[in-house]
N, C-alpha and C. Protein backbone atom coordinates (compact mmCIF):
# COMPACT_ATOMS: atom_id res chain seq x y z
N MET A 1 -76.37 23.53 -1.29
CA MET A 1 -76.22 22.18 -1.84
C MET A 1 -76.87 21.18 -0.89
N ASP A 2 -77.42 20.10 -1.46
CA ASP A 2 -78.07 19.08 -0.65
C ASP A 2 -77.07 18.38 0.25
N GLU A 3 -77.57 17.96 1.41
CA GLU A 3 -76.77 17.14 2.30
C GLU A 3 -76.46 15.83 1.58
N GLN A 4 -75.29 15.27 1.82
CA GLN A 4 -74.87 14.06 1.12
C GLN A 4 -75.79 12.88 1.46
N ILE A 5 -76.13 12.13 0.44
CA ILE A 5 -76.97 10.95 0.61
C ILE A 5 -76.08 9.76 0.92
N ARG A 6 -76.39 9.06 2.00
CA ARG A 6 -75.62 7.88 2.40
C ARG A 6 -76.18 6.61 1.77
N TYR A 7 -77.50 6.48 1.76
CA TYR A 7 -78.16 5.28 1.25
C TYR A 7 -78.68 5.55 -0.15
N HIS A 8 -78.12 4.88 -1.14
CA HIS A 8 -78.46 5.12 -2.54
C HIS A 8 -79.45 4.06 -3.02
N PHE A 9 -80.58 4.51 -3.55
CA PHE A 9 -81.61 3.60 -4.05
C PHE A 9 -81.04 2.76 -5.18
N MET A 10 -81.27 1.45 -5.10
CA MET A 10 -80.76 0.54 -6.12
C MET A 10 -81.88 -0.15 -6.90
N HIS A 11 -82.88 -0.67 -6.17
CA HIS A 11 -83.86 -1.53 -6.83
C HIS A 11 -85.11 -1.63 -5.98
N LYS A 12 -86.24 -1.78 -6.66
CA LYS A 12 -87.53 -2.00 -5.98
C LYS A 12 -88.21 -3.16 -6.69
N GLU A 13 -88.72 -4.11 -5.91
CA GLU A 13 -89.40 -5.26 -6.51
C GLU A 13 -90.60 -5.65 -5.66
N ARG A 14 -91.52 -6.33 -6.28
CA ARG A 14 -92.69 -6.84 -5.57
C ARG A 14 -92.59 -8.36 -5.55
N MET A 15 -92.68 -8.94 -4.36
CA MET A 15 -92.61 -10.39 -4.20
C MET A 15 -93.89 -11.02 -4.73
N ALA A 16 -93.76 -12.05 -5.53
CA ALA A 16 -94.91 -12.66 -6.19
C ALA A 16 -95.87 -13.33 -5.21
N VAL A 17 -95.34 -14.04 -4.24
CA VAL A 17 -96.19 -14.80 -3.32
C VAL A 17 -96.83 -13.91 -2.26
N THR A 18 -96.01 -13.07 -1.62
CA THR A 18 -96.51 -12.25 -0.51
C THR A 18 -97.04 -10.89 -0.96
N ASN A 19 -96.68 -10.47 -2.18
CA ASN A 19 -97.08 -9.16 -2.71
C ASN A 19 -96.44 -8.00 -1.95
N GLU A 20 -95.39 -8.28 -1.15
CA GLU A 20 -94.69 -7.22 -0.43
C GLU A 20 -93.73 -6.50 -1.38
N ILE A 21 -93.50 -5.23 -1.10
CA ILE A 21 -92.54 -4.45 -1.87
C ILE A 21 -91.22 -4.48 -1.12
N ILE A 22 -90.15 -4.92 -1.81
CA ILE A 22 -88.81 -4.97 -1.25
C ILE A 22 -88.00 -3.85 -1.91
N ILE A 23 -87.33 -3.05 -1.10
CA ILE A 23 -86.52 -1.94 -1.60
C ILE A 23 -85.08 -2.18 -1.19
N GLN A 24 -84.15 -1.99 -2.14
CA GLN A 24 -82.74 -2.18 -1.86
C GLN A 24 -82.01 -0.85 -1.96
N PHE A 25 -81.14 -0.61 -0.99
CA PHE A 25 -80.29 0.57 -0.97
C PHE A 25 -78.85 0.11 -0.81
N MET A 26 -77.92 0.86 -1.40
CA MET A 26 -76.50 0.58 -1.20
C MET A 26 -75.95 1.63 -0.26
N ASP A 27 -75.33 1.16 0.81
CA ASP A 27 -74.67 2.03 1.78
C ASP A 27 -73.18 1.97 1.47
N PHE A 28 -72.68 2.92 0.66
CA PHE A 28 -71.28 2.90 0.27
C PHE A 28 -70.38 3.23 1.45
N GLN A 29 -70.85 4.05 2.37
CA GLN A 29 -70.06 4.41 3.54
C GLN A 29 -69.88 3.19 4.45
N GLY A 30 -70.93 2.44 4.66
CA GLY A 30 -70.86 1.25 5.51
C GLY A 30 -70.52 -0.02 4.75
N LYS A 31 -70.39 0.10 3.42
CA LYS A 31 -70.04 -1.02 2.53
C LYS A 31 -70.98 -2.20 2.72
N ARG A 32 -72.27 -1.91 2.56
CA ARG A 32 -73.27 -2.98 2.70
C ARG A 32 -74.50 -2.68 1.86
N LEU A 33 -75.24 -3.73 1.59
CA LEU A 33 -76.51 -3.64 0.89
C LEU A 33 -77.62 -3.71 1.92
N VAL A 34 -78.58 -2.80 1.85
CA VAL A 34 -79.69 -2.76 2.79
C VAL A 34 -80.96 -3.15 2.03
N ARG A 35 -81.60 -4.21 2.48
CA ARG A 35 -82.87 -4.67 1.89
C ARG A 35 -83.94 -4.56 2.96
N ALA A 36 -85.06 -3.98 2.59
CA ALA A 36 -86.15 -3.83 3.56
C ALA A 36 -87.48 -3.79 2.82
N THR A 37 -88.52 -4.23 3.51
CA THR A 37 -89.86 -4.06 2.95
C THR A 37 -90.26 -2.61 3.18
N ALA A 38 -91.26 -2.16 2.48
CA ALA A 38 -91.74 -0.79 2.69
C ALA A 38 -92.21 -0.61 4.13
N GLN A 39 -92.83 -1.64 4.69
CA GLN A 39 -93.30 -1.57 6.08
C GLN A 39 -92.11 -1.47 7.04
N ASP A 40 -91.05 -2.26 6.81
CA ASP A 40 -89.85 -2.19 7.65
C ASP A 40 -89.23 -0.81 7.58
N LEU A 41 -89.18 -0.25 6.39
CA LEU A 41 -88.60 1.07 6.21
C LEU A 41 -89.39 2.13 6.97
N ASN A 42 -90.70 2.06 6.91
CA ASN A 42 -91.53 3.03 7.62
C ASN A 42 -91.41 2.92 9.13
N SER A 43 -91.17 1.72 9.65
CA SER A 43 -91.09 1.53 11.10
C SER A 43 -89.65 1.56 11.61
N SER A 44 -88.69 1.82 10.74
CA SER A 44 -87.28 1.82 11.12
C SER A 44 -86.94 3.01 12.03
N ASP A 45 -85.96 2.79 12.90
CA ASP A 45 -85.44 3.88 13.75
C ASP A 45 -84.31 4.63 13.05
N ASN A 46 -83.86 4.14 11.90
CA ASN A 46 -82.77 4.76 11.17
C ASN A 46 -83.31 5.96 10.40
N GLN A 47 -83.19 7.13 11.00
CA GLN A 47 -83.74 8.35 10.40
C GLN A 47 -83.04 8.73 9.11
N LYS A 48 -81.73 8.48 9.03
CA LYS A 48 -80.98 8.83 7.82
C LYS A 48 -81.46 7.99 6.63
N LEU A 49 -81.70 6.71 6.86
CA LEU A 49 -82.21 5.84 5.79
C LEU A 49 -83.58 6.32 5.33
N LYS A 50 -84.45 6.64 6.25
CA LYS A 50 -85.79 7.11 5.90
C LYS A 50 -85.73 8.43 5.14
N GLU A 51 -84.86 9.34 5.59
CA GLU A 51 -84.72 10.64 4.94
C GLU A 51 -84.17 10.49 3.52
N ASP A 52 -83.13 9.67 3.35
CA ASP A 52 -82.55 9.45 2.03
C ASP A 52 -83.55 8.79 1.09
N ALA A 53 -84.30 7.83 1.59
CA ALA A 53 -85.31 7.15 0.77
C ALA A 53 -86.37 8.14 0.31
N ARG A 54 -86.81 9.00 1.21
CA ARG A 54 -87.85 9.98 0.87
C ARG A 54 -87.34 10.97 -0.18
N LYS A 55 -86.11 11.48 -0.01
CA LYS A 55 -85.53 12.43 -0.97
C LYS A 55 -85.43 11.81 -2.37
N GLN A 56 -84.91 10.59 -2.42
CA GLN A 56 -84.71 9.95 -3.72
C GLN A 56 -86.04 9.58 -4.36
N TRP A 57 -87.01 9.15 -3.57
CA TRP A 57 -88.31 8.79 -4.14
C TRP A 57 -88.99 10.03 -4.73
N ASP A 58 -88.84 11.18 -4.06
CA ASP A 58 -89.40 12.42 -4.60
C ASP A 58 -88.77 12.75 -5.95
N ARG A 59 -87.45 12.57 -6.07
CA ARG A 59 -86.77 12.83 -7.34
C ARG A 59 -87.23 11.87 -8.42
N ILE A 60 -87.39 10.61 -8.06
CA ILE A 60 -87.82 9.59 -9.03
C ILE A 60 -89.22 9.91 -9.54
N LYS A 61 -90.12 10.29 -8.64
CA LYS A 61 -91.50 10.61 -9.04
C LYS A 61 -91.55 11.80 -9.99
N ARG A 62 -90.66 12.78 -9.80
CA ARG A 62 -90.68 13.99 -10.63
C ARG A 62 -89.91 13.83 -11.94
N ALA A 63 -89.10 12.79 -12.05
CA ALA A 63 -88.24 12.62 -13.23
C ALA A 63 -89.07 12.28 -14.46
N GLU A 64 -88.61 12.78 -15.59
CA GLU A 64 -89.25 12.45 -16.86
C GLU A 64 -88.84 11.04 -17.27
N THR A 65 -89.73 10.35 -17.92
CA THR A 65 -89.39 9.04 -18.45
C THR A 65 -89.02 9.19 -19.92
N MET A 66 -88.44 8.16 -20.47
CA MET A 66 -88.08 8.20 -21.90
C MET A 66 -89.32 8.36 -22.76
N GLU A 67 -90.44 7.82 -22.31
CA GLU A 67 -91.68 7.91 -23.07
C GLU A 67 -92.22 9.33 -23.13
N GLN A 68 -91.87 10.16 -22.13
CA GLN A 68 -92.37 11.53 -22.09
C GLN A 68 -91.60 12.43 -23.04
N LYS A 69 -90.40 12.04 -23.44
CA LYS A 69 -89.57 12.91 -24.28
C LYS A 69 -89.89 12.78 -25.73
């Protein structure tokens, strides 16, 4: 079984003015919302956040969309 995910993907948006991608995760264990740019996430020292983000993004990319069904 997969190791438990601490940071759950919530939302991804692109800022209109700066064109930066903002990603939001919910940390249910720490009871907080984590917002970071893609660049912040890549340069973060929080290995668990990076690992959880990578696992979930892989699942999202492989998932079928409603249009595919």
